[in-house]
């Protein structure tokens, strides 16, 4: 097979190496889909969401929801010096439906909302849910905050897909974790 692929078509250094297996696997799977579509002369449309949040279907915490739950359940006392783009699960579902129903849809569609630094994520969580022990300090200290990538979801919005604000994504994720009993509800007096 030759040398292993080191770059996966991302612009951030963390996503360009095989150390980020999740992104690497997603990229390789999409490349295989494009090759198969070309080989079989199929019209392929791909929706590429950022980190997906919102109400859960499952009764277990997955990697995306753990990303938020850990800031509320007391398992971490600091946040990482990192930034991430978020998108609501309902926006992703709408994107898939609209891409399927739109004859002119073609190619790749990025479905990403606003990029937030973990500090901003924690500030939003603390504002909505002050009863939880949300971290207020960065694990890496008071150095320069890392900047996230800037994305454009213009193509997906041109299909009529709206992008839910990141704060609503966070709120809906936490209330779903509470509703499913994954994250115990706490009284505001317990904070």
Protein backbone atom coordinates (compact mmCIF):
# COMPACT_ATOMS: atom_id res chain seq x y z
CA UNK A 1 0.00 0.00 0.00
CA UNK A 2 2.95 2.36 0.24
CA UNK A 3 3.60 4.92 2.90
CA UNK A 4 0.78 5.71 5.34
CA UNK A 5 -1.09 8.92 4.65
CA UNK A 6 -0.02 11.70 7.02
CA UNK A 7 -2.27 14.53 5.84
CA UNK A 8 -6.03 14.17 5.84
CA UNK A 9 -7.20 17.36 4.18
CA UNK A 10 -7.66 19.39 7.33
CA UNK A 11 -6.08 22.73 8.09
CA UNK A 12 -5.39 22.32 11.81
CA UNK A 13 -2.20 20.50 12.73
CA UNK A 14 -3.98 18.18 15.19
CA UNK A 15 -6.16 16.77 12.41
CA UNK A 16 -3.32 16.26 9.91
CA UNK A 17 -1.67 13.31 11.59
CA UNK A 18 -2.78 9.79 12.27
CA UNK A 19 -2.68 10.55 15.98
CA UNK A 20 -6.17 11.93 15.51
CA UNK A 21 -7.68 8.59 14.51
CA UNK A 22 -11.29 9.75 14.55
CA UNK A 23 -10.72 12.48 11.96
CA UNK A 24 -8.40 10.24 9.99
CA UNK A 25 -11.02 7.47 9.83
CA UNK A 26 -13.73 9.90 8.75
CA UNK A 27 -11.50 11.29 6.01
CA UNK A 28 -10.44 7.88 4.70
CA UNK A 29 -14.07 6.70 4.70
CA UNK A 30 -15.16 9.75 2.72
CA UNK A 31 -12.31 9.29 0.24
CA UNK A 32 -13.43 5.68 -0.28
CA UNK A 33 -17.01 6.84 -0.82
CA UNK A 34 -15.88 9.32 -3.48
CA UNK A 35 -13.81 6.65 -5.23
CA UNK A 36 -16.74 4.23 -5.21
CA UNK A 37 -19.15 6.91 -6.46
CA UNK A 38 -16.80 7.74 -9.33
CA UNK A 39 -16.29 4.06 -10.18
CA UNK A 40 -20.04 3.36 -10.20
CA UNK A 41 -21.00 6.74 -11.72
CA UNK A 42 -23.10 7.67 -8.68
CA UNK A 43 -24.10 11.17 -7.65
CA UNK A 44 -22.69 11.56 -4.14
CA UNK A 45 -23.50 14.34 -1.70
CA UNK A 46 -21.60 14.48 1.59
CA UNK A 47 -22.57 16.37 4.74
CA UNK A 48 -19.53 17.11 6.92
CA UNK A 49 -20.70 18.22 10.39
CA UNK A 50 -18.48 19.67 13.07
CA UNK A 51 -18.92 18.40 16.66
CA UNK A 52 -22.61 17.49 16.91
CA UNK A 53 -24.57 18.45 20.03
CA UNK A 54 -28.20 18.57 21.06
CA UNK A 55 -30.76 16.05 22.31
CA UNK A 56 -29.54 12.47 22.60
CA UNK A 57 -31.33 9.44 21.20
CA UNK A 58 -29.22 6.97 23.15
CA UNK A 59 -29.10 6.43 26.90
CA UNK A 60 -25.30 6.52 26.99
CA UNK A 61 -22.75 9.29 26.79
CA UNK A 62 -20.83 9.35 23.52
CA UNK A 63 -17.64 11.30 22.81
CA UNK A 64 -19.54 14.44 21.77
CA UNK A 65 -21.73 14.56 24.88
CA UNK A 66 -18.83 13.62 27.18
CA UNK A 67 -17.10 16.70 25.79
CA UNK A 68 -19.81 18.75 27.56
CA UNK A 69 -20.83 16.51 30.50
CA UNK A 70 -17.30 16.47 31.94
CA UNK A 71 -17.53 20.22 32.57
CA UNK A 72 -20.68 19.74 34.66
CA UNK A 73 -20.22 16.53 36.63
CA UNK A 74 -17.09 17.56 38.55
CA UNK A 75 -14.79 15.11 36.77
CA UNK A 76 -12.56 17.93 35.50
CA UNK A 77 -11.51 21.07 37.33
CA UNK A 78 -9.99 22.89 34.34
CA UNK A 79 -10.76 23.29 30.66
CA UNK A 80 -8.39 22.71 27.75
CA UNK A 81 -6.83 25.53 25.76
CA UNK A 82 -8.68 24.48 22.62
CA UNK A 83 -11.45 25.62 20.31
CA UNK A 84 -14.12 23.65 18.48
CA UNK A 85 -16.98 24.34 16.07
CA UNK A 86 -20.38 23.03 17.13
CA UNK A 87 -23.56 22.18 15.25
CA UNK A 88 -27.00 21.09 16.44
CA UNK A 89 -28.07 17.52 15.64
CA UNK A 90 -31.36 18.84 14.22
CA UNK A 91 -29.41 21.06 11.78
CA UNK A 92 -27.41 18.01 10.67
CA UNK A 93 -30.61 15.99 10.16
CA UNK A 94 -32.16 18.88 8.22
CA UNK A 95 -29.00 19.15 6.10
CA UNK A 96 -29.21 15.47 5.14
CA UNK A 97 -32.90 15.74 4.25
CA UNK A 98 -32.47 18.92 2.21
CA UNK A 99 -29.43 17.58 0.36
CA UNK A 100 -31.42 14.46 -0.52
CA UNK A 101 -34.49 16.43 -1.64
CA UNK A 102 -32.59 19.06 -3.65
CA UNK A 103 -31.80 17.83 -7.17
CA UNK A 104 -29.07 20.47 -7.62
CA UNK A 105 -27.24 19.43 -4.44
CA UNK A 106 -23.79 18.09 -5.21
CA UNK A 107 -20.38 17.66 -3.65
CA UNK A 108 -19.40 18.37 -0.08
CA UNK A 109 -21.34 20.49 2.41
CA UNK A 110 -19.85 21.74 5.64
CA UNK A 111 -22.41 21.88 8.43
CA UNK A 112 -20.76 23.84 11.24
CA UNK A 113 -21.84 26.55 13.59
CA UNK A 114 -19.70 28.97 15.51
CA UNK A 115 -16.28 28.01 16.83
CA UNK A 116 -15.95 28.48 20.59
CA UNK A 117 -12.91 28.31 22.85
CA UNK A 118 -13.42 25.98 25.82
CA UNK A 119 -13.39 29.05 28.09
CA UNK A 120 -16.45 30.37 26.27
CA UNK A 121 -18.12 26.94 26.42
CA UNK A 122 -17.61 26.91 30.19
CA UNK A 123 -18.90 30.49 30.56
CA UNK A 124 -22.08 29.57 28.65
CA UNK A 125 -22.57 26.40 30.69
CA UNK A 126 -22.06 28.31 33.96
CA UNK A 127 -24.57 30.96 32.87
CA UNK A 128 -27.27 28.41 31.98
CA UNK A 129 -26.45 25.92 34.75
CA UNK A 130 -24.88 27.75 37.73
CA UNK A 131 -25.69 24.83 40.04
CA UNK A 132 -22.91 22.71 38.49
CA UNK A 133 -19.16 22.96 39.24
CA UNK A 134 -18.15 24.33 35.83
CA UNK A 135 -14.38 24.94 35.53
CA UNK A 136 -13.17 28.53 35.48
CA UNK A 137 -9.45 27.92 34.81
CA UNK A 138 -7.52 26.74 31.78
CA UNK A 139 -5.44 23.58 32.23
CA UNK A 140 -2.52 25.19 30.37
CA UNK A 141 -2.51 28.32 32.54
CA UNK A 142 -3.09 31.92 31.58
CA UNK A 143 -1.20 31.89 28.26
CA UNK A 144 -2.52 32.88 24.88
CA UNK A 145 -5.89 31.32 24.04
CA UNK A 146 -5.80 29.08 20.99
CA UNK A 147 -7.87 30.27 18.08
CA UNK A 148 -10.22 27.96 16.29
CA UNK A 149 -10.67 27.54 12.56
CA UNK A 150 -13.09 29.80 10.75
CA UNK A 151 -15.66 27.96 8.70
CA UNK A 152 -18.29 28.91 6.17
CA UNK A 153 -21.55 27.02 6.11
CA UNK A 154 -22.83 29.17 3.22
CA UNK A 155 -23.37 26.19 0.89
CA UNK A 156 -25.50 24.31 3.42
CA UNK A 157 -27.41 27.49 4.25
CA UNK A 158 -28.08 27.95 0.53
CA UNK A 159 -30.01 24.67 0.74
CA UNK A 160 -32.22 26.31 3.38
CA UNK A 161 -30.56 24.82 6.45
CA UNK A 162 -30.44 27.12 9.47
CA UNK A 163 -27.56 26.98 11.92
CA UNK A 164 -28.63 26.94 15.57
CA UNK A 165 -26.53 29.15 17.87
CA UNK A 166 -23.84 27.26 19.79
CA UNK A 167 -25.34 28.38 23.11
CA UNK A 168 -28.61 26.62 22.20
CA UNK A 169 -26.66 23.48 21.20
CA UNK A 170 -25.03 23.46 24.64
CA UNK A 171 -28.32 24.10 26.46
CA UNK A 172 -30.15 21.34 24.56
CA UNK A 173 -27.33 18.87 25.21
CA UNK A 174 -27.35 19.47 28.95
CA UNK A 175 -31.13 19.35 29.31
CA UNK A 176 -31.15 16.09 27.36
CA UNK A 177 -28.46 14.64 29.63
CA UNK A 178 -30.64 15.68 32.59
CA UNK A 179 -33.87 14.33 31.08
CA UNK A 180 -32.25 10.93 30.46
CA UNK A 181 -30.87 10.79 34.01
CA UNK A 182 -27.27 10.76 32.76
CA UNK A 183 -26.51 14.07 34.46
CA UNK A 184 -28.30 14.38 37.81
CA UNK A 185 -30.29 17.58 38.23
CA UNK A 186 -28.96 19.78 41.00
CA UNK A 187 -30.60 22.54 42.94
CA UNK A 188 -29.15 25.98 42.38
CA UNK A 189 -28.50 26.11 46.16
CA UNK A 190 -26.10 23.13 45.86
CA UNK A 191 -23.56 25.01 43.72
